[in-house]
Amino acid sequence: MNFTYGKILKSIVATLVVTMLFSCEGNLKGVQQMDIPEDAPQSVGTGINLKYIDSGKVVATLKSETMRDFSNKGFPYREFPDGLTVEFFDEDQKKNTVTANYGIVYNETGLIDLQGDVVVVTSDSTQLMADQLYWDQARNWVFTDHPNTIRFRNGAVNEGQGFDSNQEFSNFRSRSNVGVQILEEDKQ
């Protein structure tokens, strides 16, 4: 047998190349199965400023310092742990604003849970303040079982322990409430 240093060197290089190829495949599998904590989000966004556009018009904006996307979970959701501000614009571009210290959006059900100093200000200056507020996007329904206060544009105030309403607040049902209502006399 005639072995030369060139043949030995080529054999060593070939062995190293084959070893590297197999080890790369092993590393790829390891990267794919990284030891990510089970409760970790799929992604995290900071300085969020989203604009929702329909037919060329801005219909809503969402601003938040942080958004955590847990759509990799069995029951996917997005969380806004540092609060959020959402502005909705109607057909006439009148603005309604919602702010909260914390928010969570459940992808599958379309339910939004807002918590901590929730304030809704409608385009006619009506203010709703609550500790917690739910919005069912599929049914266009807003509700809470927590204490809430509504200040109407005409000065009327309603304090209650829970309510249900459509999102326009034209079909409003309040539970155990106290308030001051201002009634105008019909001068006919």
C-alpha atoms as a PDB file:
ATOM      1  CA  MET A   1       0.000   0.000   0.000  1.00  0.00           C
ATOM      2  CA  ASN A   2       1.219   3.340  -0.959  1.00  0.00           C
ATOM      3  CA  PHE A   3       0.087   6.012   1.514  1.00  0.00           C
ATOM      4  CA  THR A   4       1.267   9.505   1.130  1.00  0.00           C
ATOM      5  CA  TYR A   5       0.805  12.456   3.351  1.00  0.00           C
ATOM      6  CA  GLY A   6      -1.522  14.019   0.742  1.00  0.00           C
ATOM      7  CA  LYS A   7      -3.888  11.023   0.826  1.00  0.00           C
ATOM      8  CA  ILE A   8      -3.860  10.966   4.635  1.00  0.00           C
ATOM      9  CA  LEU A   9      -4.568  14.710   4.752  1.00  0.00           C
ATOM     10  CA  LYS A  10      -7.456  14.310   2.248  1.00  0.00           C
ATOM     11  CA  SER A  11      -8.912  11.483   4.346  1.00  0.00           C
ATOM     12  CA  ILE A  12      -8.761  13.605   7.501  1.00  0.00           C
ATOM     13  CA  VAL A  13     -10.411  16.578   5.727  1.00  0.00           C
ATOM     14  CA  ALA A  14     -13.159  14.337   4.308  1.00  0.00           C
ATOM     15  CA  THR A  15     -13.798  12.859   7.764  1.00  0.00           C
ATOM     16  CA  LEU A  16     -14.021  16.357   9.291  1.00  0.00           C
ATOM     17  CA  VAL A  17     -16.435  17.560   6.585  1.00  0.00           C
ATOM     18  CA  VAL A  18     -18.730  14.544   7.076  1.00  0.00           C
ATOM     19  CA  THR A  19     -18.586  15.007  10.868  1.00  0.00           C
ATOM     20  CA  MET A  20     -19.432  18.695  10.529  1.00  0.00           C
ATOM     21  CA  LEU A  21     -22.417  17.942   8.309  1.00  0.00           C
ATOM     22  CA  PHE A  22     -23.832  15.468  10.806  1.00  0.00           C
ATOM     23  CA  SER A  23     -23.139  17.754  13.754  1.00  0.00           C
ATOM     24  CA  CYS A  24     -24.878  20.674  11.986  1.00  0.00           C
ATOM     25  CA  GLU A  25     -28.006  18.565  11.646  1.00  0.00           C
ATOM     26  CA  GLY A  26     -27.809  17.733  15.346  1.00  0.00           C
ATOM     27  CA  ASN A  27     -27.353  21.405  16.242  1.00  0.00           C
ATOM     28  CA  LEU A  28     -30.320  22.400  14.097  1.00  0.00           C
ATOM     29  CA  LYS A  29     -32.507  19.991  16.009  1.00  0.00           C
ATOM     30  CA  GLY A  30     -31.148  21.420  19.248  1.00  0.00           C
ATOM     31  CA  VAL A  31     -31.901  24.975  18.145  1.00  0.00           C
ATOM     32  CA  GLN A  32     -35.417  23.979  17.150  1.00  0.00           C
ATOM     33  CA  GLN A  33     -35.952  22.430  20.571  1.00  0.00           C
ATOM     34  CA  MET A  34     -34.399  25.267  22.564  1.00  0.00           C
ATOM     35  CA  ASP A  35     -35.118  25.293  26.219  1.00  0.00           C
ATOM     36  CA  ILE A  36     -37.675  28.135  26.131  1.00  0.00           C
ATOM     37  CA  PRO A  37     -39.747  28.467  29.296  1.00  0.00           C
ATOM     38  CA  GLU A  38     -43.267  27.157  28.841  1.00  0.00           C
ATOM     39  CA  ASP A  39     -44.843  30.466  29.844  1.00  0.00           C
ATOM     40  CA  ALA A  40     -42.689  32.612  27.510  1.00  0.00           C
ATOM     41  CA  PRO A  41     -44.403  34.653  24.778  1.00  0.00           C
ATOM     42  CA  GLN A  42     -43.873  33.924  21.110  1.00  0.00           C
ATOM     43  CA  SER A  43     -42.829  37.541  20.594  1.00  0.00           C
ATOM     44  CA  VAL A  44     -42.622  40.846  22.458  1.00  0.00           C
ATOM     45  CA  GLY A  45     -43.171  44.248  20.896  1.00  0.00           C
ATOM     46  CA  THR A  46     -42.282  47.607  22.416  1.00  0.00           C
ATOM     47  CA  GLY A  47     -43.423  51.095  21.485  1.00  0.00           C
ATOM     48  CA  ILE A  48     -46.523  49.751  19.726  1.00  0.00           C
ATOM     49  CA  ASN A  49     -48.467  52.180  17.497  1.00  0.00           C
ATOM     50  CA  LEU A  50     -50.930  50.255  15.305  1.00  0.00           C
ATOM     51  CA  LYS A  51     -53.385  51.786  12.876  1.00  0.00           C
ATOM     52  CA  TYR A  52     -56.387  49.826  11.582  1.00  0.00           C
ATOM     53  CA  ILE A  53     -57.574  51.020   8.180  1.00  0.00           C
ATOM     54  CA  ASP A  54     -60.784  50.093   6.371  1.00  0.00           C
ATOM     55  CA  SER A  55     -61.595  51.401   2.888  1.00  0.00           C
ATOM     56  CA  GLY A  56     -58.788  53.951   3.115  1.00  0.00           C
ATOM     57  CA  LYS A  57     -59.975  55.417   6.434  1.00  0.00           C
ATOM     58  CA  VAL A  58     -58.361  54.995   9.841  1.00  0.00           C
ATOM     59  CA  VAL A  59     -60.987  53.247  11.975  1.00  0.00           C
ATOM     60  CA  ALA A  60     -58.849  52.599  15.068  1.00  0.00           C
ATOM     61  CA  THR A  61     -55.412  53.185  16.549  1.00  0.00           C
ATOM     62  CA  LEU A  62     -53.778  51.252  19.357  1.00  0.00           C
ATOM     63  CA  LYS A  63     -50.822  52.518  21.380  1.00  0.00           C
ATOM     64  CA  SER A  64     -48.982  50.573  24.068  1.00  0.00           C
ATOM     65  CA  GLU A  65     -45.518  50.426  25.565  1.00  0.00           C
ATOM     66  CA  THR A  66     -45.427  46.616  25.472  1.00  0.00           C
ATOM     67  CA  MET A  67     -47.323  43.819  23.751  1.00  0.00           C
ATOM     68  CA  ARG A  68     -46.657  40.150  24.440  1.00  0.00           C
ATOM     69  CA  ASP A  69     -47.910  37.680  21.853  1.00  0.00           C
ATOM     70  CA  PHE A  70     -48.870  34.277  23.260  1.00  0.00           C
ATOM     71  CA  SER A  71     -50.384  32.894  20.049  1.00  0.00           C
ATOM     72  CA  ASN A  72     -48.094  29.866  20.524  1.00  0.00           C
ATOM     73  CA  LYS A  73     -50.286  28.656  23.410  1.00  0.00           C
ATOM     74  CA  GLY A  74     -53.236  26.262  23.357  1.00  0.00           C
ATOM     75  CA  PHE A  75     -55.586  29.209  24.077  1.00  0.00           C
ATOM     76  CA  PRO A  76     -53.820  32.063  22.240  1.00  0.00           C
ATOM     77  CA  TYR A  77     -53.881  35.658  23.459  1.00  0.00           C
ATOM     78  CA  ARG A  78     -52.052  38.986  23.319  1.00  0.00           C
ATOM     79  CA  GLU A  79     -51.240  40.858  26.505  1.00  0.00           C
ATOM     80  CA  PHE A  80     -50.599  44.558  27.123  1.00  0.00           C
ATOM     81  CA  PRO A  81     -49.013  44.549  30.601  1.00  0.00           C
ATOM     82  CA  ASP A  82     -48.064  48.252  30.622  1.00  0.00           C
ATOM     83  CA  GLY A  83     -51.474  49.536  29.576  1.00  0.00           C
ATOM     84  CA  LEU A  84     -52.942  50.690  26.307  1.00  0.00           C
ATOM     85  CA  THR A  85     -54.827  53.501  24.595  1.00  0.00           C
ATOM     86  CA  VAL A  86     -57.250  52.732  21.783  1.00  0.00           C
ATOM     87  CA  GLU A  87     -59.006  55.330  19.645  1.00  0.00           C
ATOM     88  CA  PHE A  88     -62.038  54.337  17.549  1.00  0.00           C
ATOM     89  CA  PHE A  89     -63.324  56.492  14.727  1.00  0.00           C
ATOM     90  CA  ASP A  90     -66.906  56.229  13.453  1.00  0.00           C
ATOM     91  CA  GLU A  91     -68.136  56.906   9.901  1.00  0.00           C
ATOM     92  CA  ASP A  92     -68.034  60.679  10.565  1.00  0.00           C
ATOM     93  CA  GLN A  93     -64.490  60.368  12.004  1.00  0.00           C
ATOM     94  CA  LYS A  94     -65.758  61.168  15.522  1.00  0.00           C
ATOM     95  CA  LYS A  95     -63.329  59.744  18.058  1.00  0.00           C
ATOM     96  CA  ASN A  96     -64.023  57.467  21.036  1.00  0.00           C
ATOM     97  CA  THR A  97     -61.082  56.708  23.344  1.00  0.00           C
ATOM     98  CA  VAL A  98     -60.411  53.775  25.689  1.00  0.00           C
ATOM     99  CA  THR A  99     -57.505  53.660  28.157  1.00  0.00           C
ATOM    100  CA  ALA A 100     -56.552  50.992  30.694  1.00  0.00           C
ATOM    101  CA  ASN A 101     -53.558  50.007  32.824  1.00  0.00           C
ATOM    102  CA  TYR A 102     -53.668  46.418  31.503  1.00  0.00           C
ATOM    103  CA  GLY A 103     -55.303  44.619  28.616  1.00  0.00           C
ATOM    104  CA  ILE A 104     -55.583  41.146  27.187  1.00  0.00           C
ATOM    105  CA  VAL A 105     -57.115  40.055  23.865  1.00  0.00           C
ATOM    106  CA  TYR A 106     -58.188  36.432  23.455  1.00  0.00           C
ATOM    107  CA  ASN A 107     -57.704  35.491  19.792  1.00  0.00           C
ATOM    108  CA  GLU A 108     -60.188  32.632  19.536  1.00  0.00           C
ATOM    109  CA  THR A 109     -63.126  34.223  21.373  1.00  0.00           C
ATOM    110  CA  GLY A 110     -62.570  37.869  20.420  1.00  0.00           C
ATOM    111  CA  LEU A 111     -63.030  38.847  24.070  1.00  0.00           C
ATOM    112  CA  ILE A 112     -61.033  41.823  25.336  1.00  0.00           C
ATOM    113  CA  ASP A 113     -60.404  42.205  29.081  1.00  0.00           C
ATOM    114  CA  LEU A 114     -59.359  45.691  30.235  1.00  0.00           C
ATOM    115  CA  GLN A 115     -58.264  46.227  33.837  1.00  0.00           C
ATOM    116  CA  GLY A 116     -57.110  49.027  36.117  1.00  0.00           C
ATOM    117  CA  ASP A 117     -58.404  52.583  35.740  1.00  0.00           C
ATOM    118  CA  VAL A 118     -60.398  51.798  32.611  1.00  0.00           C
ATOM    119  CA  VAL A 119     -61.740  54.999  31.058  1.00  0.00           C
ATOM    120  CA  VAL A 120     -63.962  55.233  27.994  1.00  0.00           C
ATOM    121  CA  VAL A 121     -64.612  58.694  26.545  1.00  0.00           C
ATOM    122  CA  THR A 122     -67.156  58.851  23.726  1.00  0.00           C
ATOM    123  CA  SER A 123     -67.275  61.457  20.996  1.00  0.00           C
ATOM    124  CA  ASP A 124     -70.131  63.254  22.832  1.00  0.00           C
ATOM    125  CA  SER A 125     -67.956  63.551  26.015  1.00  0.00           C
ATOM    126  CA  THR A 126     -69.687  60.783  27.970  1.00  0.00           C
ATOM    127  CA  GLN A 127     -67.163  59.165  30.349  1.00  0.00           C
ATOM    128  CA  LEU A 128     -67.256  55.629  31.689  1.00  0.00           C
ATOM    129  CA  MET A 129     -64.821  54.728  34.472  1.00  0.00           C
ATOM    130  CA  ALA A 130     -64.448  51.181  35.811  1.00  0.00           C
ATOM    131  CA  ASP A 131     -61.957  48.868  37.503  1.00  0.00           C
ATOM    132  CA  GLN A 132     -62.495  46.258  34.808  1.00  0.00           C
ATOM    133  CA  LEU A 133     -64.355  46.168  31.510  1.00  0.00           C
ATOM    134  CA  TYR A 134     -64.976  43.392  28.982  1.00  0.00           C
ATOM    135  CA  TRP A 135     -65.696  43.875  25.291  1.00  0.00           C
ATOM    136  CA  ASP A 136     -67.085  41.018  23.251  1.00  0.00           C
ATOM    137  CA  GLN A 137     -66.076  41.957  19.690  1.00  0.00           C
ATOM    138  CA  ALA A 138     -68.185  39.237  18.066  1.00  0.00           C
ATOM    139  CA  ARG A 139     -71.399  40.454  19.735  1.00  0.00           C
ATOM    140  CA  ASN A 140     -70.419  44.153  19.952  1.00  0.00           C
ATOM    141  CA  TRP A 141     -71.227  43.969  23.660  1.00  0.00           C
ATOM    142  CA  VAL A 142     -69.561  45.746  26.619  1.00  0.00           C
ATOM    143  CA  PHE A 143     -70.023  44.567  30.211  1.00  0.00           C
ATOM    144  CA  THR A 144     -68.608  44.451  33.732  1.00  0.00           C
ATOM    145  CA  ASP A 145     -69.537  43.177  37.180  1.00  0.00           C
ATOM    146  CA  HIS A 146     -67.282  45.717  38.875  1.00  0.00           C
ATOM    147  CA  PRO A 147     -68.068  49.177  40.247  1.00  0.00           C
ATOM    148  CA  ASN A 148     -68.382  51.798  37.528  1.00  0.00           C
ATOM    149  CA  THR A 149     -69.250  55.441  37.096  1.00  0.00           C
ATOM    150  CA  ILE A 150     -70.738  57.098  34.044  1.00  0.00           C
ATOM    151  CA  ARG A 151     -70.704  60.864  33.617  1.00  0.00           C
ATOM    152  CA  PHE A 152     -72.968  62.060  30.856  1.00  0.00           C
ATOM    153  CA  ARG A 153     -72.492  65.212  28.826  1.00  0.00           C
ATOM    154  CA  ASN A 154     -75.532  66.877  30.400  1.00  0.00           C
ATOM    155  CA  GLY A 155     -74.076  66.448  33.918  1.00  0.00           C
ATOM    156  CA  ALA A 156     -75.992  63.302  34.884  1.00  0.00           C
ATOM    157  CA  VAL A 157     -74.005  60.716  36.858  1.00  0.00           C
ATOM    158  CA  ASN A 158     -74.661  57.019  37.299  1.00  0.00           C
ATOM    159  CA  GLU A 159     -72.726  54.863  39.765  1.00  0.00           C
ATOM    160  CA  GLY A 160     -73.376  51.154  39.584  1.00  0.00           C
ATOM    161  CA  GLN A 161     -72.170  47.678  40.374  1.00  0.00           C
ATOM    162  CA  GLY A 162     -72.019  46.215  36.895  1.00  0.00           C
ATOM    163  CA  PHE A 163     -73.744  46.814  33.581  1.00  0.00           C
ATOM    164  CA  ASP A 164     -74.351  45.359  30.127  1.00  0.00           C
ATOM    165  CA  SER A 165     -74.561  47.421  26.955  1.00  0.00           C
ATOM    166  CA  ASN A 166     -74.143  47.344  23.230  1.00  0.00           C
ATOM    167  CA  GLN A 167     -70.962  49.121  22.176  1.00  0.00           C
ATOM    168  CA  GLU A 168     -72.901  52.264  21.181  1.00  0.00           C
ATOM    169  CA  PHE A 169     -74.411  52.430  24.711  1.00  0.00           C
ATOM    170  CA  SER A 170     -77.886  52.778  23.206  1.00  0.00           C
ATOM    171  CA  ASN A 171     -79.098  49.549  24.887  1.00  0.00           C
ATOM    172  CA  PHE A 172     -77.766  49.984  28.419  1.00  0.00           C
ATOM    173  CA  ARG A 173     -78.701  47.909  31.489  1.00  0.00           C
ATOM    174  CA  SER A 174     -77.203  48.872  34.830  1.00  0.00           C
ATOM    175  CA  ARG A 175     -77.389  46.845  38.035  1.00  0.00           C
ATOM    176  CA  SER A 176     -77.769  48.260  41.563  1.00  0.00           C
ATOM    177  CA  ASN A 177     -77.067  51.837  40.675  1.00  0.00           C
ATOM    178  CA  VAL A 178     -77.336  55.250  42.250  1.00  0.00           C
ATOM    179  CA  GLY A 179     -77.156  58.462  40.334  1.00  0.00           C
ATOM    180  CA  VAL A 180     -78.329  61.901  39.468  1.00  0.00           C
ATOM    181  CA  GLN A 181     -80.407  62.148  36.322  1.00  0.00           C
ATOM    182  CA  ILE A 182     -81.134  65.433  34.629  1.00  0.00           C
ATOM    183  CA  LEU A 183     -84.524  65.563  32.939  1.00  0.00           C
ATOM    184  CA  GLU A 184     -85.559  68.328  30.626  1.00  0.00           C
ATOM    185  CA  GLU A 185     -89.164  69.556  30.675  1.00  0.00           C
ATOM    186  CA  ASP A 186     -91.119  69.355  27.478  1.00  0.00           C
ATOM    187  CA  LYS A 187     -92.270  72.945  26.803  1.00  0.00           C
ATOM    188  CA  GLN A 188     -95.177  72.256  24.431  1.00  0.00           C
END
